[in-house]
Protein backbone atom coordinates (compact mmCIF):
# COMPACT_ATOMS: atom_id res chain seq x y z
CA MET A 1 -26.69 13.73 12.46
CA SER A 2 -28.38 15.49 15.43
CA SER A 3 -26.84 19.10 16.30
CA ALA A 4 -25.57 17.52 19.74
CA SER A 5 -23.71 14.90 18.19
CA GLN A 6 -22.15 17.82 15.81
CA GLU A 7 -21.80 20.08 18.49
CA ARG A 8 -19.60 17.49 20.57
CA GLU A 9 -18.05 16.70 17.37
CA ALA A 10 -17.04 20.10 16.87
CA ARG A 11 -16.09 20.80 20.64
CA VAL A 12 -13.43 17.96 20.71
CA VAL A 13 -11.80 18.87 17.23
CA ASP A 14 -11.67 22.84 18.86
CA ALA A 15 -10.10 21.53 21.91
CA ALA A 16 -7.39 19.16 20.17
CA PRO A 17 -3.68 20.77 20.36
CA LYS A 18 -2.80 21.79 16.63
CA GLN A 19 0.41 22.94 16.98
CA LEU A 20 4.15 21.38 17.39
CA TYR A 21 5.24 20.16 20.90
CA ILE A 22 8.96 21.10 21.33
CA ASN A 23 10.87 21.89 24.56
CA GLY A 24 7.69 21.56 26.66
CA GLN A 25 6.14 24.33 24.67
CA TRP A 26 3.12 24.83 22.12
CA ARG A 27 4.38 26.50 19.08
CA ASP A 28 3.14 27.38 15.57
CA ALA A 29 5.45 26.20 12.64
CA ARG A 30 8.08 28.36 10.98
CA GLN A 31 6.57 30.50 7.88
CA GLY A 32 3.25 29.54 9.46
CA ARG A 33 3.04 26.23 7.63
CA VAL A 34 -0.02 24.44 8.30
CA LEU A 35 -1.36 20.89 6.72
CA GLU A 36 -5.15 20.05 6.25
CA VAL A 37 -6.42 16.72 8.55
CA ARG A 38 -9.76 15.84 6.62
CA ASP A 39 -12.99 13.29 7.99
CA PRO A 40 -12.29 10.04 5.94
CA SER A 41 -15.96 9.31 6.05
CA THR A 42 -17.01 12.67 4.21
CA GLY A 43 -13.67 13.98 3.14
CA SER A 44 -14.78 17.18 4.64
CA LEU A 45 -12.11 19.51 6.25
CA LEU A 46 -11.48 18.88 10.45
CA CYS A 47 -8.92 21.33 10.94
CA THR A 48 -5.42 22.76 10.06
CA VAL A 49 -2.50 21.76 12.21
CA ALA A 50 1.27 23.18 12.41
CA ASN A 51 2.90 21.62 9.43
CA ALA A 52 6.97 21.31 10.52
CA SER A 53 9.76 22.54 8.57
CA PRO A 54 13.26 21.22 8.69
CA GLU A 55 14.26 23.52 11.23
CA ASP A 56 11.28 22.83 13.25
CA GLY A 57 12.31 19.27 12.97
CA ARG A 58 16.24 20.44 14.51
CA ASP A 59 14.92 22.28 17.19
CA ALA A 60 12.86 19.24 18.24
CA LEU A 61 16.14 17.23 18.52
CA GLU A 62 18.13 19.89 19.68
CA ALA A 63 15.71 19.78 22.67
CA ALA A 64 15.76 16.30 23.09
CA GLN A 65 19.28 16.32 23.25
CA ALA A 66 19.54 19.10 26.03
CA ALA A 67 17.15 16.83 28.10
CA GLN A 68 18.91 13.47 27.62
CA GLN A 69 21.21 13.62 30.22
CA GLY A 70 18.78 14.88 33.08
CA PHE A 71 16.09 12.68 31.86
CA ALA A 72 18.63 9.40 31.66
CA ALA A 73 19.48 10.31 35.41
CA MET A 74 16.05 10.82 36.90
CA PRO A 75 15.05 7.71 39.05
CA PRO A 76 13.48 4.75 37.55
CA ARG A 77 10.42 5.14 40.08
CA GLN A 78 9.79 8.35 38.74
CA ARG A 79 9.81 7.98 35.28
CA ALA A 80 7.34 5.01 36.24
CA THR A 81 5.01 7.47 37.90
CA ILE A 82 4.86 9.83 34.78
CA LEU A 83 3.97 6.80 32.91
CA MET A 84 1.24 5.74 35.24
CA ARG A 85 -0.24 9.25 35.61
CA ALA A 86 -0.32 9.47 31.55
CA PHE A 87 -1.90 5.58 31.82
CA GLU A 88 -4.72 7.09 33.95
CA LEU A 89 -5.20 10.49 32.15
CA MET A 90 -5.78 8.29 28.94
CA HIS A 91 -8.86 6.68 30.62
CA GLU A 92 -10.44 9.53 32.18
CA ARG A 93 -10.26 11.24 28.37
CA LYS A 94 -11.04 8.08 26.78
CA ASP A 95 -14.24 9.28 25.15
CA ASP A 96 -12.95 12.22 23.47
CA LEU A 97 -9.61 10.39 23.06
CA ALA A 98 -11.72 7.54 20.78
CA LEU A 99 -14.06 10.23 18.97
CA LEU A 100 -10.72 12.39 18.03
CA MET A 101 -9.56 9.50 16.31
CA THR A 102 -12.44 8.20 14.93
CA LEU A 103 -12.81 11.61 13.14
CA GLU A 104 -9.46 11.70 12.17
CA MET A 105 -9.18 8.24 10.98
CA GLY A 106 -12.60 6.59 10.40
CA LYS A 107 -12.39 3.91 12.53
CA PRO A 108 -15.80 2.67 14.21
CA LEU A 109 -16.18 4.72 17.42
CA ALA A 110 -16.33 1.26 19.47
CA ASP A 111 -13.07 0.28 17.85
CA ALA A 112 -11.58 3.61 18.55
CA ALA A 113 -12.57 3.27 22.45
CA GLY A 114 -10.81 0.14 22.46
CA GLU A 115 -7.62 1.43 21.01
CA VAL A 116 -7.30 3.93 23.63
CA VAL A 117 -7.56 1.55 26.35
CA TYR A 118 -4.89 -0.89 24.39
CA ALA A 119 -2.77 2.45 24.07
CA ALA A 120 -2.85 3.02 27.52
CA GLU A 121 -2.04 -0.08 28.39
CA PHE A 122 1.71 0.08 26.75
CA PHE A 123 2.07 2.91 29.42
CA ARG A 124 1.03 0.73 32.42
CA HIS A 125 3.16 -2.11 31.27
CA PHE A 126 6.42 -0.24 30.81
CA ALA A 127 5.86 1.95 34.08
CA GLU A 128 6.49 -1.60 35.19
CA GLU A 129 9.48 -2.24 33.10
CA ALA A 130 11.15 0.98 34.34
CA THR A 131 11.77 -0.25 37.91
CA ARG A 132 13.09 -3.62 36.31
CA ILE A 133 16.10 -2.39 34.33
CA SER A 134 18.94 -4.56 35.65
CA GLY A 135 22.57 -5.33 35.09
CA GLY A 136 25.19 -7.67 36.82
CA TYR A 137 28.16 -8.30 38.57
CA GLN A 138 30.42 -11.30 38.28
CA ASP A 139 33.90 -12.63 38.76
CA ALA A 140 36.17 -12.97 35.65
CA PRO A 141 37.36 -16.63 34.89
CA THR A 142 40.72 -16.27 35.79
CA GLY A 143 39.51 -14.47 38.99
CA ASN A 144 41.77 -11.59 38.80
CA ALA A 145 38.75 -9.43 37.85
CA ARG A 146 35.09 -8.42 37.99
CA PHE A 147 32.65 -7.75 35.53
CA LEU A 148 30.16 -4.84 36.40
CA ILE A 149 27.15 -5.13 33.65
CA ARG A 150 24.74 -2.02 33.57
CA GLN A 151 22.02 -0.77 30.98
CA GLU A 152 21.98 2.79 29.76
CA PRO A 153 19.74 4.76 27.68
CA VAL A 154 20.58 4.41 24.28
CA GLY A 155 20.04 8.40 24.05
CA PRO A 156 17.40 10.80 22.06
CA SER A 157 15.22 8.44 19.74
CA LEU A 158 13.68 9.35 16.55
CA LEU A 159 9.70 7.54 16.53
CA ILE A 160 7.99 7.29 13.21
CA THR A 161 4.06 6.19 13.46
CA PRO A 162 1.47 5.39 11.19
CA TRP A 163 -2.14 6.41 10.50
CA ASN A 164 -3.92 3.15 11.09
CA PHE A 165 -3.40 2.87 15.24
CA PRO A 166 -2.74 6.74 15.43
CA LEU A 167 -2.48 6.43 19.54
CA ALA A 168 -1.28 3.01 20.02
CA MET A 169 1.75 2.79 17.57
CA GLY A 170 2.42 6.11 19.71
CA THR A 171 2.43 4.73 23.35
CA ARG A 172 4.11 1.49 21.86
CA LYS A 173 7.09 3.63 21.02
CA LEU A 174 7.15 6.30 24.02
CA GLY A 175 6.54 4.03 26.67
CA PRO A 176 9.62 2.28 26.50
CA ALA A 177 11.19 5.22 25.70
CA ILE A 178 10.42 6.75 28.52
CA ALA A 179 10.94 3.86 30.83
CA ALA A 180 14.35 3.56 29.20
CA GLY A 181 15.32 7.42 29.45
CA CYS A 182 15.31 8.25 26.31
CA THR A 183 14.04 11.52 25.47
CA SER A 184 12.76 11.38 21.81
CA VAL A 185 11.36 13.35 18.72
CA LEU A 186 8.05 11.60 17.11
CA LYS A 187 6.44 12.19 14.04
CA PRO A 188 3.04 10.84 13.81
CA ALA A 189 1.63 10.34 10.20
CA GLU A 190 -0.03 13.64 8.53
CA LEU A 191 -3.31 11.95 7.91
CA THR A 192 -3.92 11.45 11.81
CA PRO A 193 -1.91 13.88 13.77
CA LEU A 194 -4.66 15.07 16.09
CA SER A 195 -4.48 11.73 18.18
CA MET A 196 -0.56 12.08 18.94
CA LEU A 197 -0.82 15.79 19.78
CA ALA A 198 -3.53 15.02 22.36
CA LEU A 199 -1.30 12.26 23.35
CA ALA A 200 1.56 15.08 24.17
CA GLN A 201 -0.75 17.33 26.04
CA ILE A 202 -1.52 13.97 28.38
CA LEU A 203 2.13 13.37 28.68
CA GLU A 204 2.73 16.97 29.59
CA ASP A 205 0.08 16.92 32.16
CA ALA A 206 1.49 13.37 33.65
CA GLY A 207 4.50 15.38 34.56
CA ALA A 208 7.07 14.89 31.33
CA PRO A 209 9.94 17.14 31.58
CA PRO A 210 10.17 19.48 28.70
CA GLY A 211 12.45 18.16 25.77
CA VAL A 212 11.51 14.47 26.50
CA VAL A 213 8.51 14.32 24.47
CA ASN A 214 8.65 16.39 21.06
CA ILE A 215 5.86 15.89 18.04
CA VAL A 216 6.47 17.27 15.03
CA VAL A 217 3.52 17.08 12.50
CA THR A 218 4.57 17.52 8.88
CA SER A 219 3.75 16.81 5.46
CA THR A 220 7.75 16.47 4.25
CA ALA A 221 8.48 13.74 6.06
CA GLY A 222 11.51 12.81 4.15
CA GLN A 223 12.83 16.81 4.22
CA VAL A 224 12.17 16.85 7.78
CA MET A 225 13.20 13.45 9.23
CA GLU A 226 16.19 12.51 7.24
CA PRO A 227 18.37 15.40 8.30
CA LEU A 228 17.69 14.27 11.69
CA ILE A 229 18.81 10.93 10.86
CA ARG A 230 22.16 11.55 9.67
CA SER A 231 22.64 14.75 12.15
CA GLY A 232 24.78 12.67 14.51
CA ILE A 233 22.81 13.63 17.43
CA ALA A 234 19.81 10.96 17.57
CA ARG A 235 21.21 7.62 18.80
CA LYS A 236 17.99 5.51 18.02
CA LEU A 237 15.18 5.32 15.31
CA SER A 238 11.85 3.10 15.81
CA PHE A 239 9.80 3.10 12.85
CA THR A 240 6.39 1.60 11.66
CA GLY A 241 5.20 1.46 8.32
CA SER A 242 5.49 -0.09 4.73
CA THR A 243 8.61 -2.42 3.79
CA GLN A 244 9.69 0.06 1.20
CA VAL A 245 9.80 2.94 3.39
CA GLY A 246 11.67 1.11 6.02
CA LYS A 247 14.55 0.11 3.66
CA LYS A 248 15.11 3.60 2.74
CA LEU A 249 15.63 4.78 6.44
CA LEU A 250 17.78 1.58 6.81
CA GLU A 251 19.95 3.25 4.52
CA GLN A 252 19.95 6.37 6.19
CA CYS A 253 20.77 4.85 9.64
CA ALA A 254 23.63 3.41 8.22
CA ASP A 255 25.25 6.75 7.81
CA LYS A 256 25.65 7.42 11.59
CA VAL A 257 24.94 3.43 12.85
CA LEU A 258 21.72 4.40 14.63
CA ARG A 259 20.14 1.75 16.67
CA THR A 260 17.18 0.80 14.56
CA SER A 261 13.62 -0.88 15.33
CA MET A 262 11.50 -1.96 12.25
CA GLU A 263 8.01 -2.61 12.20
CA LEU A 264 7.30 -3.32 8.64
CA GLY A 265 4.89 -4.64 6.34
CA GLY A 266 2.98 -7.82 6.32
CA ASN A 267 1.45 -11.01 4.19
CA ALA A 268 -0.54 -12.52 7.14
CA ALA A 269 -1.72 -16.16 6.11
CA PHE A 270 -4.81 -17.51 8.02
CA VAL A 271 -5.22 -21.59 7.69
CA VAL A 272 -7.83 -23.36 8.60
CA PHE A 273 -7.40 -27.44 8.74
CA GLU A 274 -9.87 -29.88 8.13
CA ASP A 275 -10.22 -31.10 11.82
CA ALA A 276 -10.89 -27.29 12.91
CA ASP A 277 -14.03 -26.36 14.63
CA VAL A 278 -15.20 -23.68 11.51
CA ASP A 279 -17.68 -21.80 13.55
CA LYS A 280 -14.79 -20.67 15.62
CA ALA A 281 -12.54 -20.29 12.77
CA VAL A 282 -15.11 -17.78 10.89
CA ASP A 283 -14.82 -16.03 14.52
CA GLY A 284 -11.04 -15.94 14.50
CA ALA A 285 -11.28 -15.05 10.59
CA MET A 286 -13.34 -12.01 11.20
CA LEU A 287 -10.99 -10.65 13.78
CA ALA A 288 -8.09 -11.32 12.16
CA LYS A 289 -9.35 -9.92 8.76
CA MET A 290 -11.77 -7.12 9.82
CA ARG A 291 -9.97 -5.52 13.00
CA ASN A 292 -9.69 -1.74 12.12
CA SER A 293 -11.69 -2.50 8.59
CA GLY A 294 -8.92 -4.38 7.23
CA GLU A 295 -6.13 -1.69 7.52
CA ALA A 296 -3.75 -3.85 9.84
CA CYS A 297 -0.07 -5.28 9.43
CA THR A 298 -1.50 -8.07 11.50
CA ALA A 299 -4.87 -8.45 8.91
CA ALA A 300 -5.29 -11.89 7.31
CA ASN A 301 -4.07 -11.40 3.78
CA ARG A 302 -4.19 -14.87 2.62
CA ILE A 303 -6.66 -17.32 4.11
CA PHE A 304 -5.99 -20.89 3.19
CA ILE A 305 -8.77 -23.45 3.63
CA HIS A 306 -8.88 -26.87 3.49
CA ARG A 307 -10.90 -28.27 0.29
CA SER A 308 -13.12 -30.28 2.44
CA VAL A 309 -14.21 -27.28 4.77
CA LEU A 310 -14.02 -24.41 1.67
CA GLN A 311 -17.69 -24.38 0.80
CA GLU A 312 -19.03 -24.22 4.40
CA PHE A 313 -16.54 -21.48 5.68
CA SER A 314 -17.11 -19.44 2.76
CA GLU A 315 -20.67 -19.44 2.83
CA LYS A 316 -20.59 -18.58 6.76
CA LEU A 317 -18.18 -15.87 6.35
CA ALA A 318 -19.56 -14.36 3.53
CA GLN A 319 -22.60 -14.47 5.68
CA ARG A 320 -21.18 -12.63 8.49
CA MET A 321 -19.35 -9.96 6.34
CA GLY A 322 -22.38 -9.12 4.17
CA GLU A 323 -24.19 -8.55 7.46
CA LEU A 324 -21.65 -5.86 8.92
CA LYS A 325 -22.93 -2.05 8.88
CA VAL A 326 -20.82 0.02 6.88
CA GLY A 327 -20.91 3.87 7.78
CA ARG A 328 -19.67 6.80 9.51
CA GLY A 329 -17.43 5.50 12.64
CA VAL A 330 -19.54 7.92 14.73
CA ASP A 331 -22.91 6.87 13.61
CA GLU A 332 -24.84 3.74 16.41
CA GLY A 333 -23.88 0.04 15.21
CA VAL A 334 -21.21 1.17 12.32
CA GLN A 335 -18.81 -1.81 12.14
CA VAL A 336 -16.81 -1.26 9.29
CA GLY A 337 -15.49 2.74 8.49
CA PRO A 338 -14.20 4.34 5.36
CA MET A 339 -10.51 3.39 4.30
CA VAL A 340 -8.15 6.37 5.32
CA ASP A 341 -8.20 8.37 1.90
CA ALA A 342 -8.99 8.07 -2.19
CA THR A 343 -5.11 6.43 -2.56
CA GLN A 344 -6.19 3.47 -0.17
CA LEU A 345 -9.54 3.05 -1.44
CA ASP A 346 -8.53 3.01 -5.15
CA LYS A 347 -5.75 0.26 -4.12
CA VAL A 348 -8.29 -1.68 -2.44
CA LYS A 349 -10.53 -1.75 -5.91
CA GLU A 350 -7.82 -2.26 -7.83
CA LEU A 351 -6.52 -5.08 -5.91
CA VAL A 352 -9.90 -6.99 -6.20
CA ASP A 353 -10.58 -6.05 -9.83
CA ASP A 354 -7.14 -7.97 -10.61
CA ALA A 355 -8.03 -10.54 -8.80
CA VAL A 356 -11.60 -11.14 -10.22
CA GLY A 357 -9.88 -10.66 -13.92
CA ALA A 358 -7.39 -13.46 -12.91
CA GLY A 359 -10.57 -15.95 -11.78
CA ALA A 360 -11.47 -15.70 -7.89
CA GLU A 361 -15.28 -15.35 -7.52
CA VAL A 362 -16.75 -12.99 -5.77
CA VAL A 363 -18.88 -14.36 -2.99
CA VAL A 364 -20.21 -11.09 -1.40
CA GLY A 365 -18.85 -7.45 -1.78
CA GLY A 366 -16.82 -6.43 -4.32
CA GLU A 367 -17.97 -2.75 -4.77
CA VAL A 368 -17.28 0.67 -3.84
CA ALA A 369 -19.93 1.32 -1.39
CA PRO A 370 -22.06 4.26 -2.51
CA GLY A 371 -21.99 7.56 -0.80
CA ASP A 372 -19.39 10.16 0.34
CA GLY A 373 -16.20 9.18 1.81
CA TYR A 374 -13.67 6.15 1.18
CA PHE A 375 -16.00 3.28 1.83
CA TYR A 376 -15.43 -0.36 0.36
CA GLN A 377 -17.84 -3.34 0.89
CA PRO A 378 -16.92 -5.88 3.26
CA THR A 379 -15.95 -8.84 0.59
CA VAL A 380 -15.24 -12.43 0.34
CA LEU A 381 -13.28 -13.73 -2.74
CA ARG A 382 -13.02 -17.35 -3.22
CA ASP A 383 -10.41 -19.32 -5.29
CA VAL A 384 -8.05 -16.90 -5.92
CA PRO A 385 -5.07 -17.45 -7.86
CA ARG A 386 -1.39 -16.96 -7.23
CA GLU A 387 -1.33 -14.75 -10.33
CA ALA A 388 -3.57 -12.22 -8.22
CA ARG A 389 -1.59 -9.04 -7.14
CA MET A 390 -3.22 -9.39 -3.69
CA TRP A 391 -1.24 -12.78 -3.41
CA THR A 392 2.00 -10.68 -2.63
CA GLU A 393 0.64 -7.25 -1.82
CA GLU A 394 -1.00 -6.15 1.15
CA ILE A 395 -5.02 -5.09 0.97
CA PHE A 396 -5.25 -3.06 3.83
CA GLY A 397 -9.03 -3.13 3.13
CA PRO A 398 -11.89 -5.36 4.07
CA VAL A 399 -11.70 -7.91 1.60
CA ALA A 400 -10.84 -11.62 2.08
CA PRO A 401 -9.46 -13.52 -0.02
CA LEU A 402 -10.10 -17.49 -0.27
CA THR A 403 -7.43 -20.04 -1.42
CA PRO A 404 -8.25 -24.24 -1.17
CA PHE A 405 -5.52 -26.48 -0.09
CA ASP A 406 -5.08 -30.27 0.44
CA SER A 407 -1.96 -31.10 2.66
CA GLU A 408 0.06 -29.60 5.33
CA LYS A 409 3.32 -29.59 3.41
CA GLU A 410 1.65 -27.45 0.58
CA VAL A 411 -0.14 -24.87 2.87
CA VAL A 412 2.96 -24.42 4.82
CA ASP A 413 4.85 -23.54 1.78
CA LEU A 414 2.41 -21.50 0.87
CA VAL A 415 2.21 -19.37 3.71
CA ASN A 416 6.42 -19.39 3.96
CA ASP A 417 5.97 -18.24 0.08
CA THR A 418 6.35 -14.43 0.75
CA GLU A 419 9.03 -12.31 1.72
CA TYR A 420 6.93 -11.06 4.96
CA GLY A 421 7.08 -12.79 8.20
CA LEU A 422 5.15 -10.79 10.54
CA VAL A 423 2.38 -12.92 11.80
CA ASN A 424 0.08 -15.96 10.82
CA TYR A 425 -2.76 -17.63 11.99
CA VAL A 426 -3.60 -21.15 12.23
CA TYR A 427 -6.73 -23.00 13.20
CA THR A 428 -6.48 -27.08 14.14
CA ASN A 429 -7.74 -29.25 17.17
CA ASP A 430 -4.65 -31.55 16.75
CA LEU A 431 -2.40 -30.31 19.29
CA ASN A 432 0.87 -32.25 17.54
CA ARG A 433 0.29 -30.22 14.37
CA ALA A 434 -0.63 -26.88 16.01
CA LEU A 435 2.76 -26.93 17.18
CA ARG A 436 4.44 -28.63 14.36
CA VAL A 437 3.36 -26.02 12.04
CA ALA A 438 3.51 -22.94 14.27
CA GLU A 439 7.68 -23.88 14.47
CA SER A 440 7.64 -24.58 10.63
CA ILE A 441 6.24 -21.09 9.57
CA GLU A 442 8.36 -18.27 9.33
CA SER A 443 6.88 -15.34 11.38
CA GLY A 444 7.52 -13.70 14.22
CA MET A 445 4.20 -14.14 15.75
CA VAL A 446 1.78 -17.53 15.48
CA GLY A 447 -1.68 -17.12 16.63
CA LEU A 448 -3.01 -20.62 17.18
CA ASN A 449 -6.82 -20.69 17.25
CA GLN A 450 -7.16 -16.89 17.51
CA GLY A 451 -7.62 -14.16 15.66
CA VAL A 452 -5.73 -11.63 17.49
CA VAL A 453 -2.16 -11.73 18.95
CA SER A 454 -1.43 -7.97 19.58
CA ASN A 455 -0.56 -7.73 23.82
CA PRO A 456 1.11 -4.88 25.23
CA ALA A 457 2.86 -7.63 27.32
CA ALA A 458 3.99 -9.92 24.62
CA PRO A 459 7.08 -9.34 22.40
CA PHE A 460 5.43 -7.56 18.53
CA GLY A 461 7.80 -8.04 15.77
CA GLY A 462 8.53 -9.96 12.47
CA MET A 463 11.11 -11.95 10.46
CA LYS A 464 12.16 -11.56 6.83
CA GLU A 465 11.38 -7.98 5.63
CA SER A 466 8.85 -7.65 7.88
CA GLY A 467 11.20 -6.17 10.12
CA LEU A 468 13.95 -5.71 13.29
CA GLY A 469 13.42 -6.00 16.78
CA ARG A 470 10.33 -6.61 19.21
CA GLU A 471 8.05 -3.87 20.78
CA GLY A 472 6.10 -4.75 23.76
CA GLY A 473 6.45 -7.78 26.52
CA ASP A 474 9.84 -7.76 28.47
CA THR A 475 11.91 -7.18 25.41
CA GLY A 476 10.46 -4.07 24.03
CA ILE A 477 12.59 -2.04 26.42
CA ASP A 478 15.88 -3.53 25.77
CA GLU A 479 15.65 -1.64 22.42
CA PHE A 480 15.84 1.39 23.95
CA LEU A 481 18.94 0.07 26.23
CA GLU A 482 22.56 -0.20 25.70
CA THR A 483 24.60 -2.82 27.78
CA LYS A 484 27.94 -1.39 29.20
CA TYR A 485 30.45 -3.50 30.55
CA ILE A 486 33.03 -2.19 33.17
CA GLY A 487 36.03 -4.14 33.88
CA ILE A 488 37.42 -3.97 37.38
CA ALA A 489 40.91 -5.17 38.16
CA MET A 490 42.06 -6.99 41.54
CA ALA A 491 44.89 -6.61 43.33
């Protein structure tokens, strides 16, 4: 690495906010608590940031509560202006935001830059939605009354985001919250707090009033967030993370009947029928599997290939996977970065070893990559049996498990044989089959002949144990709005 590159990395990290952001003020955590942020490509320390205590969390929620009434009364156009200015600032600071994200999370720099653009788009999308919040006025069927329908902000909201898309998952929640007129307390993942703290600075510079957005980073999430959930002050929880944690949070939300949005785990299937264009299917599989180095809830976790094209597909996919350059995300030409930490690397290794032990064939990869950091080789496995753990567990890594099938009914049954239902992908050139299968499989999203479905203008969310509610699209703002009916008697 050149000295210029090292100097730029140091400059970007040094310039990033590292304190809690509460009531429009940057402040240290109580008792001076800090947590370490490390570069997953080397394991080295990047910096330390403030580590919130339960008292800090309470301060943040009280700030959100105090700001709620005034912010709800702010004209929608003014809220939209804040979001549009934040959108513009994210583009102006794209290079530094991308580098900061790569350093703390590991994804290749080009992917990080793409995430900045994607994340910013949520602010633009919801800036436009802010001025479209509607209601209604109608006659009662009997004619002796009128119905006035009004949509109002749900109130102070708790937002919890994951480490794998540290910027986009923040804007996907903050965008509709701000557009609807809700104040919030956001807790980013402790592994990747720098991106969200940088976003708080952007929102402050864009004109968000004090208390509207509060950021609390903590290594003791349960101790900090559970009291806020049970406080009676918060009226909404939006969480992205594992199904296991989501279920615990739902139990806590029941205490005060909080409005909830849950974007939870996935077990996405990628189906290639015999009539599909194999080359295009391989292109789609590379996107569906390798976006974010496989660390995505939308990643293809079970890849079902019609037996007649299995050999061709597996060879072409293995060639593409084997050609990927693995390395530190900031280095030129790198396409696959490290796993986020040692725990995630160990899990990927265990799942591959388990599948091979159950009879799967390694076509390419299958090993931890040599060197420092948490790297795993891009891997293709063929004939993965249903006994393998990765059949039911999210891999969250650069591993593509292939399983053959023989009939449409068989593969639809296989796709639906899971408690999850976030997204599935289908490749076929038969329009009737495409629609028939898309309607038969149980998931909130389906990619037909495409390997990426995420779009700020489309509703994102799952069925079954993959979650509740939708983010994005014209329905995303509804999660932060309450409907009020006012009955008016007519003389």
